[in-house]
Amino acid sequence: MALNFLYISIIVIYSLSVLGYFIDFIQNNQKVKRISFWLLSIVWFLQLLFFVVRAFEYNRIPIMTIFEGMFFYAWILVTFSLVVARFYKGDFLILFVNVIGFAITAAGGLAPAGDVSPRLAELLILEMLIIHVTLLLLSYGTFTLSFAFSLLYYIQHHMLKRKMWGKRMGRIGNLSKLERFSFLTASVGLPLMFLGIVLGVAWAWLGFNTVPWLDIKVVSSFGVLLVYGVYLFQWSVKKKRGYGMALFNIAAFLVLLINYFLSSSFSDFHIWQ
């Protein structure tokens, strides 16, 4: 009952925060923006409280089911948003990131919210698996930030092309900065994902004496690594910049979403995510 109340409270307050940031996006309302920030801070605290209560209820770290994974992903996005709001003037970035975060939180309510099976719970106590899942979800969070920067680049590029001058353009940020931050966040996400996959392979071998190389989740995860690897290679080695690279990064994030949502539905091995 307590967890249900917390979850509903998070959804309601989160929706109000996102709505406030959207109003600020339309009207440039500083008062609404401040209220939205504090609502987002409350969401972060309630999400953390939710994790603590669920950890005590199930006597394990609560990041192993589909519902928990989505919830932890959303918490990472809220955390990143609060850090961005504190150290970087990126109001629209916070809006876009939290539209995704709210959608994931709301969609998580459709996933099974129960515990894992007792047999699987014995396997999940391995610290290696916990680190594996945490690293992957952190990589998803940084890739989401990278996507948001590229999306802002896309919007700013079209506003400049159509000569849509105004205050909104100044609040989005200049193209070179958006492009650079998109690259930097993707540069953080790729090694996090690589390390997470390596630990996952090692855990599978230790736990089952086999690695399911042909599992759709494993195959698609390596596909995500390849796509982002190509993006970083094009940037750092080929020195490619501009609109085309922003579109490439947006497409890479769509591949990531396919990996996270669709492949998990058809995976026979990743039954807890």
C-alpha atoms as a PDB file:
ATOM      1  CA  MET A   1       0.000   0.000   0.000  1.00  0.00           C
ATOM      2  CA  ALA A   2       2.814   2.425   0.896  1.00  0.00           C
ATOM      3  CA  LEU A   3       4.613   1.714  -2.379  1.00  0.00           C
ATOM      4  CA  ASN A   4       1.420   2.257  -4.379  1.00  0.00           C
ATOM      5  CA  PHE A   5       0.840   5.603  -2.662  1.00  0.00           C
ATOM      6  CA  LEU A   6       4.452   6.638  -3.300  1.00  0.00           C
ATOM      7  CA  TYR A   7       4.246   5.649  -6.954  1.00  0.00           C
ATOM      8  CA  ILE A   8       1.005   7.594  -7.520  1.00  0.00           C
ATOM      9  CA  SER A   9       2.462  10.609  -5.702  1.00  0.00           C
ATOM     10  CA  ILE A  10       5.553  10.484  -7.916  1.00  0.00           C
ATOM     11  CA  ILE A  11       3.438  10.328 -11.085  1.00  0.00           C
ATOM     12  CA  VAL A  12       1.285  13.292 -10.018  1.00  0.00           C
ATOM     13  CA  ILE A  13       4.163  15.528  -8.872  1.00  0.00           C
ATOM     14  CA  TYR A  14       6.336  14.534 -11.834  1.00  0.00           C
ATOM     15  CA  SER A  15       3.534  15.436 -14.266  1.00  0.00           C
ATOM     16  CA  LEU A  16       3.147  18.853 -12.606  1.00  0.00           C
ATOM     17  CA  SER A  17       6.888  19.454 -12.866  1.00  0.00           C
ATOM     18  CA  VAL A  18       6.989  18.544 -16.564  1.00  0.00           C
ATOM     19  CA  LEU A  19       3.916  20.699 -17.178  1.00  0.00           C
ATOM     20  CA  GLY A  20       5.642  23.609 -15.444  1.00  0.00           C
ATOM     21  CA  TYR A  21       8.768  23.258 -17.580  1.00  0.00           C
ATOM     22  CA  PHE A  22       6.548  23.149 -20.673  1.00  0.00           C
ATOM     23  CA  ILE A  23       4.813  26.377 -19.599  1.00  0.00           C
ATOM     24  CA  ASP A  24       8.239  27.948 -19.079  1.00  0.00           C
ATOM     25  CA  PHE A  25       9.212  26.731 -22.562  1.00  0.00           C
ATOM     26  CA  ILE A  26       6.198  28.544 -24.047  1.00  0.00           C
ATOM     27  CA  GLN A  27       6.050  31.672 -21.865  1.00  0.00           C
ATOM     28  CA  ASN A  28       9.575  32.037 -20.380  1.00  0.00           C
ATOM     29  CA  ASN A  29       8.039  32.160 -16.886  1.00  0.00           C
ATOM     30  CA  GLN A  30      10.813  32.180 -14.274  1.00  0.00           C
ATOM     31  CA  LYS A  31       8.449  31.691 -11.331  1.00  0.00           C
ATOM     32  CA  VAL A  32       6.932  28.580 -12.895  1.00  0.00           C
ATOM     33  CA  LYS A  33      10.425  27.303 -13.704  1.00  0.00           C
ATOM     34  CA  ARG A  34      11.513  27.620 -10.052  1.00  0.00           C
ATOM     35  CA  ILE A  35       8.390  25.802  -8.873  1.00  0.00           C
ATOM     36  CA  SER A  36       9.019  23.072 -11.451  1.00  0.00           C
ATOM     37  CA  PHE A  37      12.583  22.653 -10.221  1.00  0.00           C
ATOM     38  CA  TRP A  38      11.474  22.164  -6.627  1.00  0.00           C
ATOM     39  CA  LEU A  39       8.736  19.747  -7.717  1.00  0.00           C
ATOM     40  CA  LEU A  40      11.398  17.807  -9.605  1.00  0.00           C
ATOM     41  CA  SER A  41      13.526  17.763  -6.444  1.00  0.00           C
ATOM     42  CA  ILE A  42      10.574  16.308  -4.530  1.00  0.00           C
ATOM     43  CA  VAL A  43      10.182  13.663  -7.255  1.00  0.00           C
ATOM     44  CA  TRP A  44      13.860  12.733  -6.839  1.00  0.00           C
ATOM     45  CA  PHE A  45      13.439  12.351  -3.073  1.00  0.00           C
ATOM     46  CA  LEU A  46      10.239  10.289  -3.400  1.00  0.00           C
ATOM     47  CA  GLN A  47      11.884   8.033  -5.990  1.00  0.00           C
ATOM     48  CA  LEU A  48      14.799   7.468  -3.622  1.00  0.00           C
ATOM     49  CA  LEU A  49      12.369   6.753  -0.783  1.00  0.00           C
ATOM     50  CA  PHE A  50      10.552   4.297  -3.057  1.00  0.00           C
ATOM     51  CA  PHE A  51      13.809   2.414  -3.647  1.00  0.00           C
ATOM     52  CA  VAL A  52      14.563   2.266   0.084  1.00  0.00           C
ATOM     53  CA  VAL A  53      11.089   0.986   1.007  1.00  0.00           C
ATOM     54  CA  ARG A  54      11.129  -1.591  -1.789  1.00  0.00           C
ATOM     55  CA  ALA A  55      14.629  -2.723  -0.790  1.00  0.00           C
ATOM     56  CA  PHE A  56      13.439  -3.441   2.752  1.00  0.00           C
ATOM     57  CA  GLU A  57      10.249  -5.092   1.504  1.00  0.00           C
ATOM     58  CA  TYR A  58      12.047  -7.542  -0.817  1.00  0.00           C
ATOM     59  CA  ASN A  59      15.379  -7.653   1.034  1.00  0.00           C
ATOM     60  CA  ARG A  60      17.467  -6.939  -2.077  1.00  0.00           C
ATOM     61  CA  ILE A  61      18.636  -4.069  -4.263  1.00  0.00           C
ATOM     62  CA  PRO A  62      15.512  -3.173  -6.293  1.00  0.00           C
ATOM     63  CA  ILE A  63      16.817  -2.858  -9.848  1.00  0.00           C
ATOM     64  CA  MET A  64      16.214  -6.359 -11.203  1.00  0.00           C
ATOM     65  CA  THR A  65      12.640  -6.496 -12.536  1.00  0.00           C
ATOM     66  CA  ILE A  66      11.311  -4.697 -15.610  1.00  0.00           C
ATOM     67  CA  PHE A  67       9.436  -2.255 -13.391  1.00  0.00           C
ATOM     68  CA  GLU A  68      12.455  -1.571 -11.171  1.00  0.00           C
ATOM     69  CA  GLY A  69      14.772  -1.122 -14.135  1.00  0.00           C
ATOM     70  CA  MET A  70      12.484   1.457 -15.730  1.00  0.00           C
ATOM     71  CA  PHE A  71      12.012   3.226 -12.411  1.00  0.00           C
ATOM     72  CA  PHE A  72      15.778   3.373 -11.789  1.00  0.00           C
ATOM     73  CA  TYR A  73      16.339   4.658 -15.343  1.00  0.00           C
ATOM     74  CA  ALA A  74      13.841   7.476 -14.675  1.00  0.00           C
ATOM     75  CA  TRP A  75      15.557   8.279 -11.346  1.00  0.00           C
ATOM     76  CA  ILE A  76      18.896   8.594 -13.162  1.00  0.00           C
ATOM     77  CA  LEU A  77      17.319  11.045 -15.611  1.00  0.00           C
ATOM     78  CA  VAL A  78      15.872  13.119 -12.765  1.00  0.00           C
ATOM     79  CA  THR A  79      19.277  13.127 -11.050  1.00  0.00           C
ATOM     80  CA  PHE A  80      21.022  14.267 -14.228  1.00  0.00           C
ATOM     81  CA  SER A  81      18.355  16.955 -14.704  1.00  0.00           C
ATOM     82  CA  LEU A  82      18.916  18.399 -11.237  1.00  0.00           C
ATOM     83  CA  VAL A  83      22.689  18.450 -11.821  1.00  0.00           C
ATOM     84  CA  VAL A  84      22.179  20.159 -15.188  1.00  0.00           C
ATOM     85  CA  ALA A  85      19.836  22.711 -13.605  1.00  0.00           C
ATOM     86  CA  ARG A  86      22.488  23.468 -10.986  1.00  0.00           C
ATOM     87  CA  PHE A  87      25.579  23.752 -13.177  1.00  0.00           C
ATOM     88  CA  TYR A  88      24.348  24.349 -16.732  1.00  0.00           C
ATOM     89  CA  LYS A  89      21.765  26.777 -18.071  1.00  0.00           C
ATOM     90  CA  GLY A  90      19.703  24.306 -20.065  1.00  0.00           C
ATOM     91  CA  ASP A  91      15.992  24.778 -19.362  1.00  0.00           C
ATOM     92  CA  PHE A  92      14.864  23.117 -22.563  1.00  0.00           C
ATOM     93  CA  LEU A  93      17.281  20.252 -22.045  1.00  0.00           C
ATOM     94  CA  ILE A  94      15.641  19.564 -18.667  1.00  0.00           C
ATOM     95  CA  LEU A  95      12.202  19.623 -20.308  1.00  0.00           C
ATOM     96  CA  PHE A  96      13.119  17.115 -23.014  1.00  0.00           C
ATOM     97  CA  VAL A  97      14.965  14.771 -20.654  1.00  0.00           C
ATOM     98  CA  ASN A  98      12.080  14.719 -18.193  1.00  0.00           C
ATOM     99  CA  VAL A  99       9.429  14.168 -20.844  1.00  0.00           C
ATOM    100  CA  ILE A 100      11.325  10.939 -21.506  1.00  0.00           C
ATOM    101  CA  GLY A 101      11.740  10.286 -17.772  1.00  0.00           C
ATOM    102  CA  PHE A 102       8.047  10.808 -17.062  1.00  0.00           C
ATOM    103  CA  ALA A 103       7.048   8.561 -19.984  1.00  0.00           C
ATOM    104  CA  ILE A 104       9.307   5.798 -18.650  1.00  0.00           C
ATOM    105  CA  THR A 105       7.946   6.215 -15.115  1.00  0.00           C
ATOM    106  CA  ALA A 106       4.352   6.078 -16.323  1.00  0.00           C
ATOM    107  CA  ALA A 107       5.024   3.135 -18.645  1.00  0.00           C
ATOM    108  CA  GLY A 108       6.658   1.295 -15.739  1.00  0.00           C
ATOM    109  CA  GLY A 109       3.235   1.084 -14.135  1.00  0.00           C
ATOM    110  CA  LEU A 110       2.191  -1.257 -16.938  1.00  0.00           C
ATOM    111  CA  ALA A 111       5.048  -3.655 -16.183  1.00  0.00           C
ATOM    112  CA  PRO A 112       4.751  -6.439 -13.583  1.00  0.00           C
ATOM    113  CA  ALA A 113       5.648  -4.923 -10.203  1.00  0.00           C
ATOM    114  CA  GLY A 114       6.148  -8.130  -8.231  1.00  0.00           C
ATOM    115  CA  ASP A 115       9.321  -9.796  -7.030  1.00  0.00           C
ATOM    116  CA  VAL A 116      11.630 -12.119  -8.948  1.00  0.00           C
ATOM    117  CA  SER A 117      11.370 -15.880  -8.422  1.00  0.00           C
ATOM    118  CA  PRO A 118      13.189 -17.388  -5.394  1.00  0.00           C
ATOM    119  CA  ARG A 119      15.570 -19.317  -7.694  1.00  0.00           C
ATOM    120  CA  LEU A 120      16.464 -16.199  -9.634  1.00  0.00           C
ATOM    121  CA  ALA A 121      16.789 -14.189  -6.435  1.00  0.00           C
ATOM    122  CA  GLU A 122      19.614 -16.510  -5.357  1.00  0.00           C
ATOM    123  CA  LEU A 123      21.461 -15.674  -8.570  1.00  0.00           C
ATOM    124  CA  LEU A 124      20.756 -11.945  -8.343  1.00  0.00           C
ATOM    125  CA  ILE A 125      22.639 -11.518  -5.093  1.00  0.00           C
ATOM    126  CA  LEU A 126      25.876 -11.639  -7.046  1.00  0.00           C
ATOM    127  CA  GLU A 127      27.470  -8.211  -6.854  1.00  0.00           C
ATOM    128  CA  MET A 128      28.715  -8.566 -10.432  1.00  0.00           C
ATOM    129  CA  LEU A 129      25.161  -8.677 -11.797  1.00  0.00           C
ATOM    130  CA  ILE A 130      24.089  -5.670  -9.731  1.00  0.00           C
ATOM    131  CA  ILE A 131      27.014  -3.647 -11.086  1.00  0.00           C
ATOM    132  CA  HIS A 132      26.221  -4.913 -14.600  1.00  0.00           C
ATOM    133  CA  VAL A 133      22.647  -3.607 -14.446  1.00  0.00           C
ATOM    134  CA  THR A 134      23.663  -0.326 -12.775  1.00  0.00           C
ATOM    135  CA  LEU A 135      26.333   0.450 -15.386  1.00  0.00           C
ATOM    136  CA  LEU A 136      23.932  -0.246 -18.242  1.00  0.00           C
ATOM    137  CA  LEU A 137      21.219   1.978 -16.780  1.00  0.00           C
ATOM    138  CA  LEU A 138      23.759   4.752 -16.187  1.00  0.00           C
ATOM    139  CA  SER A 139      24.816   4.439 -19.817  1.00  0.00           C
ATOM    140  CA  TYR A 140      21.172   4.736 -20.892  1.00  0.00           C
ATOM    141  CA  GLY A 141      20.936   7.919 -18.826  1.00  0.00           C
ATOM    142  CA  THR A 142      24.013   9.522 -20.408  1.00  0.00           C
ATOM    143  CA  PHE A 143      22.878   8.498 -23.894  1.00  0.00           C
ATOM    144  CA  THR A 144      19.521  10.132 -23.155  1.00  0.00           C
ATOM    145  CA  LEU A 145      21.321  13.373 -22.292  1.00  0.00           C
ATOM    146  CA  SER A 146      23.321  13.082 -25.505  1.00  0.00           C
ATOM    147  CA  PHE A 147      20.089  12.624 -27.453  1.00  0.00           C
ATOM    148  CA  ALA A 148      18.551  15.704 -25.786  1.00  0.00           C
ATOM    149  CA  PHE A 149      21.555  17.843 -26.765  1.00  0.00           C
ATOM    150  CA  SER A 150      21.316  16.624 -30.368  1.00  0.00           C
ATOM    151  CA  LEU A 151      17.564  17.256 -30.422  1.00  0.00           C
ATOM    152  CA  LEU A 152      18.174  20.816 -29.232  1.00  0.00           C
ATOM    153  CA  TYR A 153      20.821  21.163 -31.945  1.00  0.00           C
ATOM    154  CA  TYR A 154      18.246  19.996 -34.512  1.00  0.00           C
ATOM    155  CA  ILE A 155      15.680  22.555 -33.298  1.00  0.00           C
ATOM    156  CA  GLN A 156      18.209  25.393 -33.114  1.00  0.00           C
ATOM    157  CA  HIS A 157      19.513  24.583 -36.597  1.00  0.00           C
ATOM    158  CA  HIS A 158      16.036  24.865 -38.093  1.00  0.00           C
ATOM    159  CA  MET A 159      15.293  28.059 -36.172  1.00  0.00           C
ATOM    160  CA  LEU A 160      18.471  29.643 -37.550  1.00  0.00           C
ATOM    161  CA  LYS A 161      17.740  28.392 -41.047  1.00  0.00           C
ATOM    162  CA  ARG A 162      14.271  29.952 -40.955  1.00  0.00           C
ATOM    163  CA  LYS A 163      15.589  33.112 -39.229  1.00  0.00           C
ATOM    164  CA  MET A 164      13.266  32.655 -36.268  1.00  0.00           C
ATOM    165  CA  TRP A 165      15.076  35.087 -33.986  1.00  0.00           C
ATOM    166  CA  GLY A 166      13.870  35.523 -30.407  1.00  0.00           C
ATOM    167  CA  LYS A 167      14.509  34.827 -26.725  1.00  0.00           C
ATOM    168  CA  ARG A 168      13.771  31.128 -27.160  1.00  0.00           C
ATOM    169  CA  MET A 169      16.745  30.752 -29.479  1.00  0.00           C
ATOM    170  CA  GLY A 170      19.081  32.241 -26.871  1.00  0.00           C
ATOM    171  CA  ARG A 171      17.773  29.884 -24.201  1.00  0.00           C
ATOM    172  CA  ILE A 172      18.472  26.803 -26.304  1.00  0.00           C
ATOM    173  CA  GLY A 173      22.190  27.578 -26.583  1.00  0.00           C
ATOM    174  CA  ASN A 174      24.660  27.899 -29.421  1.00  0.00           C
ATOM    175  CA  LEU A 175      25.177  25.058 -31.871  1.00  0.00           C
ATOM    176  CA  SER A 176      28.841  24.395 -31.092  1.00  0.00           C
ATOM    177  CA  LYS A 177      28.171  23.976 -27.366  1.00  0.00           C
ATOM    178  CA  LEU A 178      25.183  21.679 -27.962  1.00  0.00           C
ATOM    179  CA  GLU A 179      27.252  19.618 -30.382  1.00  0.00           C
ATOM    180  CA  ARG A 180      30.183  19.344 -27.977  1.00  0.00           C
ATOM    181  CA  PHE A 181      28.030  18.292 -25.003  1.00  0.00           C
ATOM    182  CA  SER A 182      26.269  15.724 -27.163  1.00  0.00           C
ATOM    183  CA  PHE A 183      29.630  14.187 -27.996  1.00  0.00           C
ATOM    184  CA  LEU A 184      30.931  14.327 -24.413  1.00  0.00           C
ATOM    185  CA  THR A 185      27.888  12.617 -22.899  1.00  0.00           C
ATOM    186  CA  ALA A 186      27.958   9.917 -25.571  1.00  0.00           C
ATOM    187  CA  SER A 187      31.679   9.472 -24.819  1.00  0.00           C
ATOM    188  CA  VAL A 188      30.777   8.727 -21.201  1.00  0.00           C
ATOM    189  CA  GLY A 189      27.894   6.435 -22.102  1.00  0.00           C
ATOM    190  CA  LEU A 190      29.833   4.155 -24.461  1.00  0.00           C
ATOM    191  CA  PRO A 191      32.469   2.902 -21.960  1.00  0.00           C
ATOM    192  CA  LEU A 192      29.771   2.521 -19.288  1.00  0.00           C
ATOM    193  CA  MET A 193      27.766   0.304 -21.617  1.00  0.00           C
ATOM    194  CA  PHE A 194      30.851  -1.632 -22.710  1.00  0.00           C
ATOM    195  CA  LEU A 195      31.857  -2.353 -19.112  1.00  0.00           C
ATOM    196  CA  GLY A 196      28.276  -3.300 -18.249  1.00  0.00           C
ATOM    197  CA  ILE A 197      28.128  -5.781 -21.130  1.00  0.00           C
ATOM    198  CA  VAL A 198      31.520  -7.267 -20.214  1.00  0.00           C
ATOM    199  CA  LEU A 199      30.366  -7.821 -16.629  1.00  0.00           C
ATOM    200  CA  GLY A 200      27.107  -9.310 -17.906  1.00  0.00           C
ATOM    201  CA  VAL A 201      29.004 -11.784 -20.088  1.00  0.00           C
ATOM    202  CA  ALA A 202      31.263 -12.701 -17.163  1.00  0.00           C
ATOM    203  CA  TRP A 203      28.271 -13.183 -14.844  1.00  0.00           C
ATOM    204  CA  ALA A 204      26.476 -15.377 -17.381  1.00  0.00           C
ATOM    205  CA  TRP A 205      29.539 -17.572 -17.736  1.00  0.00           C
ATOM    206  CA  LEU A 206      30.045 -17.875 -13.972  1.00  0.00           C
ATOM    207  CA  GLY A 207      26.352 -18.454 -13.244  1.00  0.00           C
ATOM    208  CA  PHE A 208      25.337 -20.667 -16.172  1.00  0.00           C
ATOM    209  CA  ASN A 209      28.634 -21.834 -17.748  1.00  0.00           C
ATOM    210  CA  THR A 210      27.441 -20.369 -21.040  1.00  0.00           C
ATOM    211  CA  VAL A 211      26.961 -17.030 -22.762  1.00  0.00           C
ATOM    212  CA  PRO A 212      23.730 -16.566 -24.781  1.00  0.00           C
ATOM    213  CA  TRP A 213      25.406 -14.837 -27.728  1.00  0.00           C
ATOM    214  CA  LEU A 214      22.331 -15.289 -29.943  1.00  0.00           C
ATOM    215  CA  ASP A 215      19.854 -13.883 -27.387  1.00  0.00           C
ATOM    216  CA  ILE A 216      18.151 -10.880 -28.971  1.00  0.00           C
ATOM    217  CA  LYS A 217      18.988  -8.629 -25.999  1.00  0.00           C
ATOM    218  CA  VAL A 218      22.683  -9.505 -26.238  1.00  0.00           C
ATOM    219  CA  VAL A 219      22.745  -9.028 -30.018  1.00  0.00           C
ATOM    220  CA  SER A 220      20.931  -5.690 -29.860  1.00  0.00           C
ATOM    221  CA  SER A 221      23.210  -4.462 -27.040  1.00  0.00           C
ATOM    222  CA  PHE A 222      26.241  -5.060 -29.223  1.00  0.00           C
ATOM    223  CA  GLY A 223      24.336  -3.276 -31.996  1.00  0.00           C
ATOM    224  CA  VAL A 224      23.950  -0.214 -29.751  1.00  0.00           C
ATOM    225  CA  LEU A 225      27.695  -0.329 -28.983  1.00  0.00           C
ATOM    226  CA  LEU A 226      28.437  -0.450 -32.698  1.00  0.00           C
ATOM    227  CA  VAL A 227      26.159   2.470 -33.578  1.00  0.00           C
ATOM    228  CA  TYR A 228      27.527   4.756 -30.868  1.00  0.00           C
ATOM    229  CA  GLY A 229      31.050   3.583 -31.658  1.00  0.00           C
ATOM    230  CA  VAL A 230      30.541   4.707 -35.269  1.00  0.00           C
ATOM    231  CA  TYR A 231      29.188   8.059 -34.027  1.00  0.00           C
ATOM    232  CA  LEU A 232      32.225   8.678 -31.804  1.00  0.00           C
ATOM    233  CA  PHE A 233      34.596   7.482 -34.546  1.00  0.00           C
ATOM    234  CA  GLN A 234      33.045   9.876 -37.054  1.00  0.00           C
ATOM    235  CA  TRP A 235      33.420  12.737 -34.569  1.00  0.00           C
ATOM    236  CA  SER A 236      36.912  12.136 -33.170  1.00  0.00           C
ATOM    237  CA  VAL A 237      38.706  10.515 -36.137  1.00  0.00           C
ATOM    238  CA  LYS A 238      36.837  11.698 -39.245  1.00  0.00           C
ATOM    239  CA  LYS A 239      36.232  15.128 -37.632  1.00  0.00           C
ATOM    240  CA  LYS A 240      32.635  15.220 -38.851  1.00  0.00           C
ATOM    241  CA  ARG A 241      30.384  17.865 -37.357  1.00  0.00           C
ATOM    242  CA  GLY A 242      27.065  19.546 -37.921  1.00  0.00           C
ATOM    243  CA  TYR A 243      23.484  18.698 -38.717  1.00  0.00           C
ATOM    244  CA  GLY A 244      24.157  15.240 -40.118  1.00  0.00           C
ATOM    245  CA  MET A 245      25.939  14.131 -36.939  1.00  0.00           C
ATOM    246  CA  ALA A 246      23.038  15.406 -34.823  1.00  0.00           C
ATOM    247  CA  LEU A 247      20.628  13.314 -36.886  1.00  0.00           C
ATOM    248  CA  PHE A 248      22.944  10.304 -36.561  1.00  0.00           C
ATOM    249  CA  ASN A 249      22.955  10.648 -32.778  1.00  0.00           C
ATOM    250  CA  ILE A 250      19.157  10.971 -32.674  1.00  0.00           C
ATOM    251  CA  ALA A 251      18.893   7.790 -34.748  1.00  0.00           C
ATOM    252  CA  ALA A 252      21.374   6.065 -32.399  1.00  0.00           C
ATOM    253  CA  PHE A 253      19.079   6.837 -29.464  1.00  0.00           C
ATOM    254  CA  LEU A 254      16.150   5.253 -31.305  1.00  0.00           C
ATOM    255  CA  VAL A 255      18.284   2.117 -31.653  1.00  0.00           C
ATOM    256  CA  LEU A 256      18.904   2.312 -27.887  1.00  0.00           C
ATOM    257  CA  LEU A 257      15.161   2.485 -27.188  1.00  0.00           C
ATOM    258  CA  ILE A 258      14.573  -0.558 -29.377  1.00  0.00           C
ATOM    259  CA  ASN A 259      17.284  -2.356 -27.413  1.00  0.00           C
ATOM    260  CA  TYR A 260      15.778  -1.394 -24.060  1.00  0.00           C
ATOM    261  CA  PHE A 261      12.078  -1.960 -24.691  1.00  0.00           C
ATOM    262  CA  LEU A 262      11.548  -4.296 -27.619  1.00  0.00           C
ATOM    263  CA  SER A 263      14.466  -6.702 -27.216  1.00  0.00           C
ATOM    264  CA  SER A 264      13.632  -7.186 -23.519  1.00  0.00           C
ATOM    265  CA  SER A 265      10.156  -8.352 -24.539  1.00  0.00           C
ATOM    266  CA  PHE A 266      11.583 -11.095 -26.767  1.00  0.00           C
ATOM    267  CA  SER A 267      14.621 -12.087 -24.739  1.00  0.00           C
ATOM    268  CA  ASP A 268      14.695 -15.558 -23.200  1.00  0.00           C
ATOM    269  CA  PHE A 269      17.689 -14.780 -21.009  1.00  0.00           C
ATOM    270  CA  HIS A 270      17.079 -11.269 -19.618  1.00  0.00           C
ATOM    271  CA  ILE A 271      13.886 -12.257 -17.876  1.00  0.00           C
ATOM    272  CA  TRP A 272      14.374  -9.862 -14.969  1.00  0.00           C
ATOM    273  CA  GLN A 273      14.767  -6.659 -17.011  1.00  0.00           C
END
